[in-house]
PDB file of N, CA and C in Angstrom:
ATOM      1  N   MET A   1     -23.557   3.177 -32.017  1.00  0.00           N
ATOM      2  CA  MET A   1     -22.535   4.135 -31.531  1.00  0.00           C
ATOM      3  C   MET A   1     -21.521   4.551 -31.821  1.00  0.00           C
ATOM      4  N   LYS A   2     -21.010   5.714 -31.700  1.00  0.00           N
ATOM      5  CA  LYS A   2     -19.727   6.378 -32.079  1.00  0.00           C
ATOM      6  C   LYS A   2     -18.521   5.514 -31.486  1.00  0.00           C
ATOM      7  N   LYS A   3     -17.617   5.862 -32.363  1.00  0.00           N
ATOM      8  CA  LYS A   3     -16.545   4.879 -31.732  1.00  0.00           C
ATOM      9  C   LYS A   3     -15.014   5.818 -32.146  1.00  0.00           C
ATOM     10  N   ILE A   4     -15.453   6.961 -32.857  1.00  0.00           N
ATOM     11  CA  ILE A   4     -14.155   8.031 -32.711  1.00  0.00           C
ATOM     12  C   ILE A   4     -14.991   9.313 -32.649  1.00  0.00           C
ATOM     13  N   ILE A   5     -14.229   9.971 -31.499  1.00  0.00           N
ATOM     14  CA  ILE A   5     -14.703  11.521 -31.424  1.00  0.00           C
ATOM     15  C   ILE A   5     -13.696  12.124 -32.137  1.00  0.00           C
ATOM     16  N   ASP A   6     -13.972  13.331 -32.934  1.00  0.00           N
ATOM     17  CA  ASP A   6     -13.110  14.126 -33.543  1.00  0.00           C
ATOM     18  C   ASP A   6     -13.481  15.261 -33.869  1.00  0.00           C
ATOM     19  N   ALA A   7     -12.750  15.960 -32.612  1.00  0.00           N
ATOM     20  CA  ALA A   7     -13.346  17.887 -32.438  1.00  0.00           C
ATOM     21  C   ALA A   7     -11.842  18.826 -32.066  1.00  0.00           C
ATOM     22  N   ASP A   8     -12.157  19.763 -32.484  1.00  0.00           N
ATOM     23  CA  ASP A   8     -11.005  21.104 -31.940  1.00  0.00           C
ATOM     24  C   ASP A   8      -9.524  20.253 -32.209  1.00  0.00           C
ATOM     25  N   ASN A   9      -9.096  19.728 -32.768  1.00  0.00           N
ATOM     26  CA  ASN A   9      -7.883  18.808 -33.105  1.00  0.00           C
ATOM     27  C   ASN A   9      -7.503  17.706 -32.180  1.00  0.00           C
ATOM     28  N   ILE A  10      -8.745  17.398 -31.646  1.00  0.00           N
ATOM     29  CA  ILE A  10      -8.478  16.127 -30.956  1.00  0.00           C
ATOM     30  C   ILE A  10      -9.211  14.978 -31.500  1.00  0.00           C
ATOM     31  N   GLN A  11      -8.565  13.845 -31.412  1.00  0.00           N
ATOM     32  CA  GLN A  11      -9.298  12.478 -31.968  1.00  0.00           C
ATOM     33  C   GLN A  11      -9.087  11.527 -30.722  1.00  0.00           C
ATOM     34  N   ILE A  12     -10.131  11.211 -30.655  1.00  0.00           N
ATOM     35  CA  ILE A  12     -10.923  10.016 -29.432  1.00  0.00           C
ATOM     36  C   ILE A  12     -11.275   8.926 -29.667  1.00  0.00           C
ATOM     37  N   ASP A  13     -10.342   7.858 -29.626  1.00  0.00           N
ATOM     38  CA  ASP A  13     -10.942   6.571 -30.289  1.00  0.00           C
ATOM     39  C   ASP A  13     -11.092   5.786 -29.262  1.00  0.00           C
ATOM     40  N   LEU A  14     -12.518   5.488 -29.401  1.00  0.00           N
ATOM     41  CA  LEU A  14     -13.079   4.218 -28.581  1.00  0.00           C
ATOM     42  C   LEU A  14     -13.122   2.938 -29.283  1.00  0.00           C
ATOM     43  N   THR A  15     -12.512   2.631 -30.396  1.00  0.00           N
ATOM     44  CA  THR A  15     -12.408   1.342 -31.066  1.00  0.00           C
ATOM     45  C   THR A  15     -12.620  -0.008 -29.711  1.00  0.00           C
ATOM     46  N   PHE A  16     -11.210   0.378 -28.749  1.00  0.00           N
ATOM     47  CA  PHE A  16     -11.101  -0.846 -28.118  1.00  0.00           C
ATOM     48  C   PHE A  16     -11.905  -1.128 -27.511  1.00  0.00           C
ATOM     49  N   ILE A  17     -12.858  -0.253 -26.708  1.00  0.00           N
ATOM     50  CA  ILE A  17     -14.053  -0.331 -25.930  1.00  0.00           C
ATOM     51  C   ILE A  17     -14.882  -0.991 -26.851  1.00  0.00           C
ATOM     52  N   GLY A  18     -15.504  -0.502 -27.991  1.00  0.00           N
ATOM     53  CA  GLY A  18     -16.359  -1.134 -28.688  1.00  0.00           C
ATOM     54  C   GLY A  18     -15.929  -2.488 -29.141  1.00  0.00           C
ATOM     55  N   GLU A  19     -14.453  -2.875 -29.660  1.00  0.00           N
ATOM     56  CA  GLU A  19     -14.468  -4.740 -29.608  1.00  0.00           C
ATOM     57  C   GLU A  19     -14.543  -5.236 -28.515  1.00  0.00           C
ATOM     58  N   PHE A  20     -14.205  -4.603 -27.415  1.00  0.00           N
ATOM     59  CA  PHE A  20     -13.909  -5.630 -26.129  1.00  0.00           C
ATOM     60  C   PHE A  20     -15.364  -5.771 -25.392  1.00  0.00           C
ATOM     61  N   ILE A  21     -16.129  -4.670 -25.561  1.00  0.00           N
ATOM     62  CA  ILE A  21     -17.419  -4.528 -24.869  1.00  0.00           C
ATOM     63  C   ILE A  21     -18.520  -4.646 -25.799  1.00  0.00           C
ATOM     64  N   ASP A  22     -18.497  -4.541 -26.891  1.00  0.00           N
ATOM     65  CA  ASP A  22     -19.493  -4.699 -27.904  1.00  0.00           C
ATOM     66  C   ASP A  22     -20.285  -3.538 -27.335  1.00  0.00           C
ATOM     67  N   PHE A  23     -19.706  -2.169 -27.084  1.00  0.00           N
ATOM     68  CA  PHE A  23     -20.630  -1.034 -26.523  1.00  0.00           C
ATOM     69  C   PHE A  23     -21.688  -1.177 -25.803  1.00  0.00           C
ATOM     70  N   ASN A  24     -21.729  -2.032 -24.791  1.00  0.00           N
ATOM     71  CA  ASN A  24     -22.538  -2.028 -23.787  1.00  0.00           C
ATOM     72  C   ASN A  24     -22.535  -0.966 -23.012  1.00  0.00           C
ATOM     73  N   HIS A  25     -23.390  -0.027 -23.369  1.00  0.00           N
ATOM     74  CA  HIS A  25     -23.500   1.481 -22.455  1.00  0.00           C
ATOM     75  C   HIS A  25     -23.169   1.543 -21.321  1.00  0.00           C
ATOM     76  N   THR A  26     -23.446   0.601 -20.376  1.00  0.00           N
ATOM     77  CA  THR A  26     -23.366   0.637 -18.911  1.00  0.00           C
ATOM     78  C   THR A  26     -22.284   0.409 -18.735  1.00  0.00           C
ATOM     79  N   THR A  27     -20.966  -0.497 -19.365  1.00  0.00           N
ATOM     80  CA  THR A  27     -19.669  -0.590 -19.121  1.00  0.00           C
ATOM     81  C   THR A  27     -19.134   0.039 -19.851  1.00  0.00           C
ATOM     82  N   ALA A  28     -19.551   0.658 -20.821  1.00  0.00           N
ATOM     83  CA  ALA A  28     -18.736   2.035 -21.621  1.00  0.00           C
ATOM     84  C   ALA A  28     -18.707   3.235 -21.112  1.00  0.00           C
ATOM     85  N   ARG A  29     -20.007   3.702 -20.136  1.00  0.00           N
ATOM     86  CA  ARG A  29     -20.272   5.073 -19.212  1.00  0.00           C
ATOM     87  C   ARG A  29     -19.234   4.393 -17.845  1.00  0.00           C
ATOM     88  N   THR A  30     -19.048   3.402 -17.316  1.00  0.00           N
ATOM     89  CA  THR A  30     -17.999   3.003 -16.283  1.00  0.00           C
ATOM     90  C   THR A  30     -16.506   3.167 -16.966  1.00  0.00           C
ATOM     91  N   ILE A  31     -15.839   2.882 -17.961  1.00  0.00           N
ATOM     92  CA  ILE A  31     -14.947   2.873 -18.530  1.00  0.00           C
ATOM     93  C   ILE A  31     -14.586   4.357 -18.716  1.00  0.00           C
ATOM     94  N   ILE A  32     -15.339   4.888 -19.248  1.00  0.00           N
ATOM     95  CA  ILE A  32     -15.051   6.228 -19.837  1.00  0.00           C
ATOM     96  C   ILE A  32     -15.458   7.359 -18.499  1.00  0.00           C
ATOM     97  N   ALA A  33     -15.781   7.170 -17.430  1.00  0.00           N
ATOM     98  CA  ALA A  33     -16.254   7.711 -16.234  1.00  0.00           C
ATOM     99  C   ALA A  33     -14.685   7.552 -15.554  1.00  0.00           C
ATOM    100  N   LEU A  34     -14.534   6.520 -15.163  1.00  0.00           N
ATOM    101  CA  LEU A  34     -13.103   6.360 -14.684  1.00  0.00           C
ATOM    102  C   LEU A  34     -11.953   6.874 -15.422  1.00  0.00           C
ATOM    103  N   PHE A  35     -11.811   6.546 -16.564  1.00  0.00           N
ATOM    104  CA  PHE A  35     -11.053   7.728 -17.265  1.00  0.00           C
ATOM    105  C   PHE A  35     -10.836   9.034 -17.316  1.00  0.00           C
ATOM    106  N   ILE A  36     -12.096   9.541 -16.906  1.00  0.00           N
ATOM    107  CA  ILE A  36     -12.292  11.042 -16.862  1.00  0.00           C
ATOM    108  C   ILE A  36     -11.895  11.367 -15.619  1.00  0.00           C
ATOM    109  N   GLN A  37     -11.920  10.887 -14.600  1.00  0.00           N
ATOM    110  CA  GLN A  37     -11.765  10.653 -13.179  1.00  0.00           C
ATOM    111  C   GLN A  37     -10.590  10.328 -12.711  1.00  0.00           C
ATOM    112  N   ASN A  38      -9.371   9.087 -13.086  1.00  0.00           N
ATOM    113  CA  ASN A  38      -8.220   8.973 -13.354  1.00  0.00           C
ATOM    114  C   ASN A  38      -7.177   9.489 -13.816  1.00  0.00           C
ATOM    115  N   LEU A  39      -7.191   9.711 -15.096  1.00  0.00           N
ATOM    116  CA  LEU A  39      -6.149  10.102 -15.662  1.00  0.00           C
ATOM    117  C   LEU A  39      -5.903  11.291 -15.263  1.00  0.00           C
ATOM    118  N   PRO A  40      -6.437  12.508 -15.375  1.00  0.00           N
ATOM    119  CA  PRO A  40      -6.006  13.799 -14.627  1.00  0.00           C
ATOM    120  C   PRO A  40      -5.022  13.627 -13.452  1.00  0.00           C
ATOM    121  N   LYS A  41      -5.394  12.941 -12.663  1.00  0.00           N
ATOM    122  CA  LYS A  41      -4.814  12.386 -11.192  1.00  0.00           C
ATOM    123  C   LYS A  41      -3.572  11.826 -11.286  1.00  0.00           C
ATOM    124  N   THR A  42      -3.609  10.671 -12.556  1.00  0.00           N
ATOM    125  CA  THR A  42      -2.195   9.920 -12.721  1.00  0.00           C
ATOM    126  C   THR A  42      -1.246  11.423 -13.160  1.00  0.00           C
ATOM    127  N   ILE A  43      -1.988  12.248 -14.106  1.00  0.00           N
ATOM    128  CA  ILE A  43      -0.811  12.963 -14.591  1.00  0.00           C
ATOM    129  C   ILE A  43      -0.603  14.076 -13.542  1.00  0.00           C
ATOM    130  N   GLU A  44      -1.169  14.417 -12.408  1.00  0.00           N
ATOM    131  CA  GLU A  44      -0.849  15.253 -11.428  1.00  0.00           C
ATOM    132  C   GLU A  44       0.282  14.399 -10.746  1.00  0.00           C
ATOM    133  N   LYS A  45       0.180  13.522 -10.647  1.00  0.00           N
ATOM    134  CA  LYS A  45       1.323  12.519  -9.864  1.00  0.00           C
ATOM    135  C   LYS A  45       2.539  12.643 -10.876  1.00  0.00           C
ATOM    136  N   ILE A  46       2.301  12.577 -11.902  1.00  0.00           N
ATOM    137  CA  ILE A  46       3.366  12.282 -13.048  1.00  0.00           C
ATOM    138  C   ILE A  46       4.205  13.495 -12.751  1.00  0.00           C
ATOM    139  N   LYS A  47       3.234  14.832 -12.945  1.00  0.00           N
ATOM    140  CA  LYS A  47       3.905  16.181 -12.668  1.00  0.00           C
ATOM    141  C   LYS A  47       4.710  16.648 -11.040  1.00  0.00           C
ATOM    142  N   ILE A  48       4.452  15.936 -10.259  1.00  0.00           N
ATOM    143  CA  ILE A  48       4.919  15.600  -8.695  1.00  0.00           C
ATOM    144  C   ILE A  48       5.749  15.094  -9.141  1.00  0.00           C
ATOM    145  N   ASN A  49       5.906  13.590  -9.601  1.00  0.00           N
ATOM    146  CA  ASN A  49       7.346  12.515 -10.119  1.00  0.00           C
ATOM    147  C   ASN A  49       8.281  13.729 -10.468  1.00  0.00           C
ATOM    148  N   TYR A  50       8.193  14.306 -11.551  1.00  0.00           N
ATOM    149  CA  TYR A  50       9.218  15.100 -12.426  1.00  0.00           C
ATOM    150  C   TYR A  50       9.785  16.111 -11.258  1.00  0.00           C
ATOM    151  N   GLU A  51       9.084  16.954 -10.731  1.00  0.00           N
ATOM    152  CA  GLU A  51       9.216  18.220  -9.940  1.00  0.00           C
ATOM    153  C   GLU A  51      10.219  17.748  -8.690  1.00  0.00           C
ATOM    154  N   ASN A  52      10.066  16.331  -8.391  1.00  0.00           N
ATOM    155  CA  ASN A  52      10.682  15.809  -7.251  1.00  0.00           C
ATOM    156  C   ASN A  52      11.469  15.148  -7.745  1.00  0.00           C
ATOM    157  N   LYS A  53      12.095  15.097  -8.938  1.00  0.00           N
ATOM    158  CA  LYS A  53      12.938  14.025  -9.694  1.00  0.00           C
ATOM    159  C   LYS A  53      12.960  12.404  -8.786  1.00  0.00           C
ATOM    160  N   GLU A  54      11.613  12.002  -8.680  1.00  0.00           N
ATOM    161  CA  GLU A  54      11.395  10.628  -8.652  1.00  0.00           C
ATOM    162  C   GLU A  54      11.328   9.552  -9.772  1.00  0.00           C
ATOM    163  N   TRP A  55      12.410   9.382 -10.560  1.00  0.00           N
ATOM    164  CA  TRP A  55      12.340   8.813 -11.616  1.00  0.00           C
ATOM    165  C   TRP A  55      11.174   7.520 -11.858  1.00  0.00           C
ATOM    166  N   GLU A  56      11.510   6.620 -10.849  1.00  0.00           N
ATOM    167  CA  GLU A  56      11.200   5.561 -10.447  1.00  0.00           C
ATOM    168  C   GLU A  56       9.482   5.622 -10.568  1.00  0.00           C
ATOM    169  N   ASN A  57       9.304   6.237  -9.672  1.00  0.00           N
ATOM    170  CA  ASN A  57       7.411   6.536  -9.606  1.00  0.00           C
ATOM    171  C   ASN A  57       7.182   7.191 -10.632  1.00  0.00           C
ATOM    172  N   LEU A  58       7.596   7.971 -11.498  1.00  0.00           N
ATOM    173  CA  LEU A  58       7.452   8.974 -12.834  1.00  0.00           C
ATOM    174  C   LEU A  58       7.160   7.713 -13.625  1.00  0.00           C
ATOM    175  N   SER A  59       8.284   6.778 -14.098  1.00  0.00           N
ATOM    176  CA  SER A  59       7.868   5.908 -15.175  1.00  0.00           C
ATOM    177  C   SER A  59       6.733   4.997 -14.873  1.00  0.00           C
ATOM    178  N   SER A  60       6.199   4.460 -13.288  1.00  0.00           N
ATOM    179  CA  SER A  60       5.265   3.998 -12.627  1.00  0.00           C
ATOM    180  C   SER A  60       4.258   4.448 -13.402  1.00  0.00           C
ATOM    181  N   ASN A  61       4.121   5.611 -12.816  1.00  0.00           N
ATOM    182  CA  ASN A  61       2.657   6.313 -13.141  1.00  0.00           C
ATOM    183  C   ASN A  61       2.449   6.691 -14.753  1.00  0.00           C
ATOM    184  N   ALA A  62       3.503   7.172 -15.591  1.00  0.00           N
ATOM    185  CA  ALA A  62       3.277   7.343 -17.299  1.00  0.00           C
ATOM    186  C   ALA A  62       3.038   5.505 -17.290  1.00  0.00           C
ATOM    187  N   HIS A  63       3.296   4.871 -16.579  1.00  0.00           N
ATOM    188  CA  HIS A  63       2.938   3.298 -17.157  1.00  0.00           C
ATOM    189  C   HIS A  63       1.328   3.028 -17.325  1.00  0.00           C
ATOM    190  N   ILE A  64       0.977   3.498 -15.638  1.00  0.00           N
ATOM    191  CA  ILE A  64      -0.454   3.533 -15.546  1.00  0.00           C
ATOM    192  C   ILE A  64      -1.253   4.583 -16.487  1.00  0.00           C
ATOM    193  N   ALA A  65      -0.807   5.745 -16.835  1.00  0.00           N
ATOM    194  CA  ALA A  65      -1.574   6.540 -18.244  1.00  0.00           C
ATOM    195  C   ALA A  65      -1.128   5.911 -19.394  1.00  0.00           C
ATOM    196  N   LYS A  66      -0.203   5.162 -19.303  1.00  0.00           N
ATOM    197  CA  LYS A  66       0.184   4.385 -20.835  1.00  0.00           C
ATOM    198  C   LYS A  66      -1.508   3.234 -21.026  1.00  0.00           C
ATOM    199  N   SER A  67      -1.536   2.593 -19.965  1.00  0.00           N
ATOM    200  CA  SER A  67      -2.401   1.868 -19.687  1.00  0.00           C
ATOM    201  C   SER A  67      -3.801   2.197 -20.060  1.00  0.00           C
ATOM    202  N   SER A  68      -4.498   3.392 -19.241  1.00  0.00           N
ATOM    203  CA  SER A  68      -5.542   4.155 -19.678  1.00  0.00           C
ATOM    204  C   SER A  68      -5.808   4.712 -20.953  1.00  0.00           C
ATOM    205  N   LEU A  69      -4.732   5.103 -21.559  1.00  0.00           N
ATOM    206  CA  LEU A  69      -4.559   5.124 -22.950  1.00  0.00           C
ATOM    207  C   LEU A  69      -4.696   4.493 -23.983  1.00  0.00           C
ATOM    208  N   SER A  70      -4.171   3.260 -23.282  1.00  0.00           N
ATOM    209  CA  SER A  70      -4.503   2.339 -24.549  1.00  0.00           C
ATOM    210  C   SER A  70      -6.329   1.369 -24.995  1.00  0.00           C
ATOM    211  N   VAL A  71      -6.977   1.913 -23.852  1.00  0.00           N
ATOM    212  CA  VAL A  71      -8.265   1.545 -23.754  1.00  0.00           C
ATOM    213  C   VAL A  71      -9.074   2.932 -24.342  1.00  0.00           C
ATOM    214  N   ILE A  72      -8.726   3.914 -24.201  1.00  0.00           N
ATOM    215  CA  ILE A  72      -9.201   5.158 -24.571  1.00  0.00           C
ATOM    216  C   ILE A  72      -8.084   5.899 -25.258  1.00  0.00           C
ATOM    217  N   GLN A  73      -7.658   5.813 -26.479  1.00  0.00           N
ATOM    218  CA  GLN A  73      -6.820   6.725 -27.354  1.00  0.00           C
ATOM    219  C   GLN A  73      -6.966   8.106 -27.613  1.00  0.00           C
ATOM    220  N   ILE A  74      -6.201   8.708 -27.032  1.00  0.00           N
ATOM    221  CA  ILE A  74      -6.011  10.400 -27.660  1.00  0.00           C
ATOM    222  C   ILE A  74      -5.202  10.699 -28.375  1.00  0.00           C
ATOM    223  N   ASN A  75      -5.456  11.187 -29.810  1.00  0.00           N
ATOM    224  CA  ASN A  75      -4.196  11.399 -30.483  1.00  0.00           C
ATOM    225  C   ASN A  75      -3.103  10.487 -30.691  1.00  0.00           C
ATOM    226  N   ASN A  76      -2.166  11.303 -30.154  1.00  0.00           N
ATOM    227  CA  ASN A  76      -0.764  10.153 -30.346  1.00  0.00           C
ATOM    228  C   ASN A  76      -0.282   9.982 -28.589  1.00  0.00           C
ATOM    229  N   LEU A  77      -1.176  10.606 -27.723  1.00  0.00           N
ATOM    230  CA  LEU A  77      -0.750  10.503 -26.406  1.00  0.00           C
ATOM    231  C   LEU A  77      -0.150   8.826 -26.132  1.00  0.00           C
ATOM    232  N   LEU A  78      -0.734   7.767 -26.049  1.00  0.00           N
ATOM    233  CA  LEU A  78      -0.165   6.364 -26.008  1.00  0.00           C
ATOM    234  C   LEU A  78       1.303   6.312 -26.076  1.00  0.00           C
ATOM    235  N   GLN A  79       1.368   6.932 -27.402  1.00  0.00           N
ATOM    236  CA  GLN A  79       3.385   6.787 -27.961  1.00  0.00           C
ATOM    237  C   GLN A  79       3.787   7.838 -26.785  1.00  0.00           C
ATOM    238  N   VAL A  80       2.979   9.417 -26.515  1.00  0.00           N
ATOM    239  CA  VAL A  80       3.723   9.937 -25.483  1.00  0.00           C
ATOM    240  C   VAL A  80       4.095   9.719 -23.953  1.00  0.00           C
ATOM    241  N   ALA A  81       2.537   8.563 -23.217  1.00  0.00           N
ATOM    242  CA  ALA A  81       3.208   8.197 -22.035  1.00  0.00           C
ATOM    243  C   ALA A  81       4.307   6.980 -21.882  1.00  0.00           C
ATOM    244  N   THR A  82       4.270   6.084 -23.331  1.00  0.00           N
ATOM    245  CA  THR A  82       5.335   4.953 -23.471  1.00  0.00           C
ATOM    246  C   THR A  82       6.780   5.699 -23.580  1.00  0.00           C
ATOM    247  N   GLU A  83       6.652   7.123 -24.101  1.00  0.00           N
ATOM    248  CA  GLU A  83       8.107   7.772 -24.225  1.00  0.00           C
ATOM    249  C   GLU A  83       8.405   8.205 -22.727  1.00  0.00           C
ATOM    250  N   ILE A  84       7.691   8.812 -22.264  1.00  0.00           N
ATOM    251  CA  ILE A  84       7.737   9.262 -20.993  1.00  0.00           C
ATOM    252  C   ILE A  84       8.153   8.231 -19.833  1.00  0.00           C
ATOM    253  N   GLU A  85       7.350   7.001 -19.726  1.00  0.00           N
ATOM    254  CA  GLU A  85       8.087   6.152 -19.367  1.00  0.00           C
ATOM    255  C   GLU A  85       9.084   5.460 -19.408  1.00  0.00           C
ATOM    256  N   LYS A  86       9.815   5.482 -20.899  1.00  0.00           N
ATOM    257  CA  LYS A  86      11.168   5.087 -21.256  1.00  0.00           C
ATOM    258  C   LYS A  86      11.956   5.908 -20.574  1.00  0.00           C
ATOM    259  N   LEU A  87      11.852   7.229 -20.619  1.00  0.00           N
ATOM    260  CA  LEU A  87      12.789   8.462 -20.764  1.00  0.00           C
ATOM    261  C   LEU A  87      13.211   8.383 -18.823  1.00  0.00           C
ATOM    262  N   ALA A  88      12.217   8.260 -18.287  1.00  0.00           N
ATOM    263  CA  ALA A  88      11.861   8.397 -16.860  1.00  0.00           C
ATOM    264  C   ALA A  88      13.023   6.999 -16.218  1.00  0.00           C
ATOM    265  N   LYS A  89      12.378   5.750 -17.033  1.00  0.00           N
ATOM    266  CA  LYS A  89      13.648   4.860 -16.408  1.00  0.00           C
ATOM    267  C   LYS A  89      15.277   5.184 -16.403  1.00  0.00           C
ATOM    268  N   SER A  90      15.723   5.873 -17.473  1.00  0.00           N
ATOM    269  CA  SER A  90      16.776   6.264 -17.969  1.00  0.00           C
ATOM    270  C   SER A  90      17.582   7.589 -16.952  1.00  0.00           C
ATOM    271  N   ALA A  91      16.429   8.113 -16.655  1.00  0.00           N
ATOM    272  CA  ALA A  91      16.362   9.521 -16.140  1.00  0.00           C
ATOM    273  C   ALA A  91      17.289  10.599 -17.082  1.00  0.00           C
ATOM    274  N   GLU A  92      17.079  10.415 -18.438  1.00  0.00           N
ATOM    275  CA  GLU A  92      18.101  11.304 -19.451  1.00  0.00           C
ATOM    276  C   GLU A  92      17.005  12.225 -19.938  1.00  0.00           C
ATOM    277  N   GLN A  93      17.371  13.114 -20.769  1.00  0.00           N
ATOM    278  CA  GLN A  93      16.146  14.090 -21.738  1.00  0.00           C
ATOM    279  C   GLN A  93      15.434  14.298 -20.971  1.00  0.00           C
ATOM    280  N   LEU A  94      15.808  15.310 -19.737  1.00  0.00           N
ATOM    281  CA  LEU A  94      14.701  15.844 -18.691  1.00  0.00           C
ATOM    282  C   LEU A  94      13.915  16.633 -19.563  1.00  0.00           C
ATOM    283  N   PRO A  95      14.301  17.593 -20.022  1.00  0.00           N
ATOM    284  CA  PRO A  95      13.815  18.898 -20.766  1.00  0.00           C
ATOM    285  C   PRO A  95      12.692  18.380 -21.597  1.00  0.00           C
ATOM    286  N   VAL A  96      12.996  16.906 -22.307  1.00  0.00           N
ATOM    287  CA  VAL A  96      12.097  16.554 -23.307  1.00  0.00           C
ATOM    288  C   VAL A  96      11.152  15.775 -22.751  1.00  0.00           C
ATOM    289  N   ILE A  97      11.210  15.338 -21.196  1.00  0.00           N
ATOM    290  CA  ILE A  97      10.246  14.509 -20.207  1.00  0.00           C
ATOM    291  C   ILE A  97       9.202  15.555 -20.006  1.00  0.00           C
ATOM    292  N   ALA A  98      10.009  16.855 -19.730  1.00  0.00           N
ATOM    293  CA  ALA A  98       8.798  18.233 -19.469  1.00  0.00           C
ATOM    294  C   ALA A  98       7.913  18.601 -20.482  1.00  0.00           C
ATOM    295  N   ASN A  99       8.683  18.446 -21.558  1.00  0.00           N
ATOM    296  CA  ASN A  99       7.627  18.746 -22.642  1.00  0.00           C
ATOM    297  C   ASN A  99       6.241  17.527 -23.078  1.00  0.00           C
ATOM    298  N   LEU A 100       7.239  16.593 -22.802  1.00  0.00           N
ATOM    299  CA  LEU A 100       6.170  15.733 -23.242  1.00  0.00           C
ATOM    300  C   LEU A 100       5.045  15.442 -22.089  1.00  0.00           C
ATOM    301  N   ILE A 101       5.206  15.905 -20.828  1.00  0.00           N
ATOM    302  CA  ILE A 101       4.037  16.012 -19.705  1.00  0.00           C
ATOM    303  C   ILE A 101       3.393  17.155 -19.860  1.00  0.00           C
ATOM    304  N   GLN A 102       4.078  18.060 -20.794  1.00  0.00           N
ATOM    305  CA  GLN A 102       2.824  19.072 -20.402  1.00  0.00           C
ATOM    306  C   GLN A 102       2.129  18.592 -22.021  1.00  0.00           C
ATOM    307  N   ALA A 103       1.983  17.924 -23.107  1.00  0.00           N
ATOM    308  CA  ALA A 103       1.392  17.742 -24.313  1.00  0.00           C
ATOM    309  C   ALA A 103       0.887  16.630 -23.362  1.00  0.00           C
ATOM    310  N   LEU A 104       0.883  15.572 -22.873  1.00  0.00           N
ATOM    311  CA  LEU A 104      -0.104  14.980 -22.151  1.00  0.00           C
ATOM    312  C   LEU A 104      -0.848  15.641 -21.151  1.00  0.00           C
ATOM    313  N   GLU A 105      -0.720  16.658 -20.428  1.00  0.00           N
ATOM    314  CA  GLU A 105      -1.523  17.379 -19.647  1.00  0.00           C
ATOM    315  C   GLU A 105      -2.844  18.235 -20.561  1.00  0.00           C
ATOM    316  N   GLN A 106      -1.856  18.628 -21.468  1.00  0.00           N
ATOM    317  CA  GLN A 106      -2.705  19.780 -22.375  1.00  0.00           C
ATOM    318  C   GLN A 106      -3.751  18.907 -23.448  1.00  0.00           C
ATOM    319  N   GLN A 107      -3.502  17.944 -23.721  1.00  0.00           N
ATOM    320  CA  GLN A 107      -4.166  17.070 -24.595  1.00  0.00           C
ATOM    321  C   GLN A 107      -5.214  16.464 -23.740  1.00  0.00           C
ATOM    322  N   THR A 108      -5.290  15.553 -22.839  1.00  0.00           N
ATOM    323  CA  THR A 108      -6.118  15.643 -21.865  1.00  0.00           C
ATOM    324  C   THR A 108      -6.852  16.127 -21.462  1.00  0.00           C
ATOM    325  N   ASN A 109      -6.465  17.647 -20.916  1.00  0.00           N
ATOM    326  CA  ASN A 109      -7.845  18.475 -20.241  1.00  0.00           C
ATOM    327  C   ASN A 109      -8.755  18.664 -21.664  1.00  0.00           C
ATOM    328  N   ALA A 110      -7.946  18.864 -22.885  1.00  0.00           N
ATOM    329  CA  ALA A 110      -8.653  19.442 -24.168  1.00  0.00           C
ATOM    330  C   ALA A 110      -9.832  18.360 -23.917  1.00  0.00           C
ATOM    331  N   SER A 111      -9.298  16.784 -24.053  1.00  0.00           N
ATOM    332  CA  SER A 111     -10.406  15.891 -24.236  1.00  0.00           C
ATOM    333  C   SER A 111     -11.240  15.482 -23.168  1.00  0.00           C
ATOM    334  N   ILE A 112     -11.383  16.030 -21.968  1.00  0.00           N
ATOM    335  CA  ILE A 112     -12.324  15.630 -20.909  1.00  0.00           C
ATOM    336  C   ILE A 112     -13.571  16.065 -21.446  1.00  0.00           C
ATOM    337  N   PRO A 113     -13.802  17.746 -21.754  1.00  0.00           N
ATOM    338  CA  PRO A 113     -15.055  18.287 -22.235  1.00  0.00           C
ATOM    339  C   PRO A 113     -15.748  17.070 -22.925  1.00  0.00           C
ATOM    340  N   LEU A 114     -14.732  16.984 -24.004  1.00  0.00           N
ATOM    341  CA  LEU A 114     -15.729  15.727 -25.454  1.00  0.00           C
ATOM    342  C   LEU A 114     -16.013  14.362 -24.526  1.00  0.00           C
ATOM    343  N   LEU A 115     -15.272  13.998 -23.811  1.00  0.00           N
ATOM    344  CA  LEU A 115     -15.127  12.555 -23.487  1.00  0.00           C
ATOM    345  C   LEU A 115     -16.451  12.912 -22.217  1.00  0.00           C
ATOM    346  N   SER A 116     -16.453  13.812 -21.939  1.00  0.00           N
ATOM    347  CA  SER A 116     -17.835  14.230 -20.697  1.00  0.00           C
ATOM    348  C   SER A 116     -19.449  14.524 -21.685  1.00  0.00           C
ATOM    349  N   ALA A 117     -18.981  15.011 -22.786  1.00  0.00           N
ATOM    350  CA  ALA A 117     -20.361  15.145 -23.784  1.00  0.00           C
ATOM    351  C   ALA A 117     -20.733  14.270 -24.140  1.00  0.00           C
ATOM    352  N   TYR A 118     -19.470  13.147 -24.523  1.00  0.00           N
ATOM    353  CA  TYR A 118     -20.432  11.781 -24.948  1.00  0.00           C
ATOM    354  C   TYR A 118     -20.805  11.024 -24.164  1.00  0.00           C
ATOM    355  N   LEU A 119     -19.991  11.155 -22.976  1.00  0.00           N
ATOM    356  CA  LEU A 119     -20.817  10.268 -21.678  1.00  0.00           C
ATOM    357  C   LEU A 119     -22.163  10.625 -21.432  1.00  0.00           C
ATOM    358  N   ALA A 120     -22.457  12.003 -21.498  1.00  0.00           N
ATOM    359  CA  ALA A 120     -23.808  12.551 -21.455  1.00  0.00           C
ATOM    360  C   ALA A 120     -24.654  11.617 -22.693  1.00  0.00           C
ATOM    361  N   GLU A 121     -24.345  11.634 -23.591  1.00  0.00           N
ATOM    362  CA  GLU A 121     -25.248  11.118 -24.539  1.00  0.00           C
ATOM    363  C   GLU A 121     -25.414   9.782 -24.471  1.00  0.00           C
ATOM    364  N   LEU A 122     -24.522   8.953 -23.785  1.00  0.00           N
ATOM    365  CA  LEU A 122     -24.943   7.207 -23.300  1.00  0.00           C
ATOM    366  C   LEU A 122     -25.685   7.196 -21.978  1.00  0.00           C
ATOM    367  N   GLN A 123     -26.069   8.054 -21.457  1.00  0.00           N
ATOM    368  CA  GLN A 123     -27.177   8.124 -20.597  1.00  0.00           C
ATOM    369  C   GLN A 123     -28.596   7.744 -20.927  1.00  0.00           C
TER     370      GLN A 123
END
């Protein structure tokens, strides 16, 4: 079973899933499906938190994104979520946070079709 998906300037590393569950297809499908379902919702919350200047909530939601991205790693998005979390705690460098949120959303959106295709292969 593949552990790296690499296409369209997006690299998705599923190594952690492979090491953690030895790529049990049922468990892998569940984890990937939850990721596809939940990460975009978390990013939407992050965007709303940013717009409403809810820095504590923004930091918390970035932490949730970070947790998801530690399991399914997409490019450098784990580091992006970590930086959003850190900057939101201090409510500094707001334009930088906005750019990081945009990168998080764009790369996640680009990865969802790749993960969905991979998920279909696991059926």
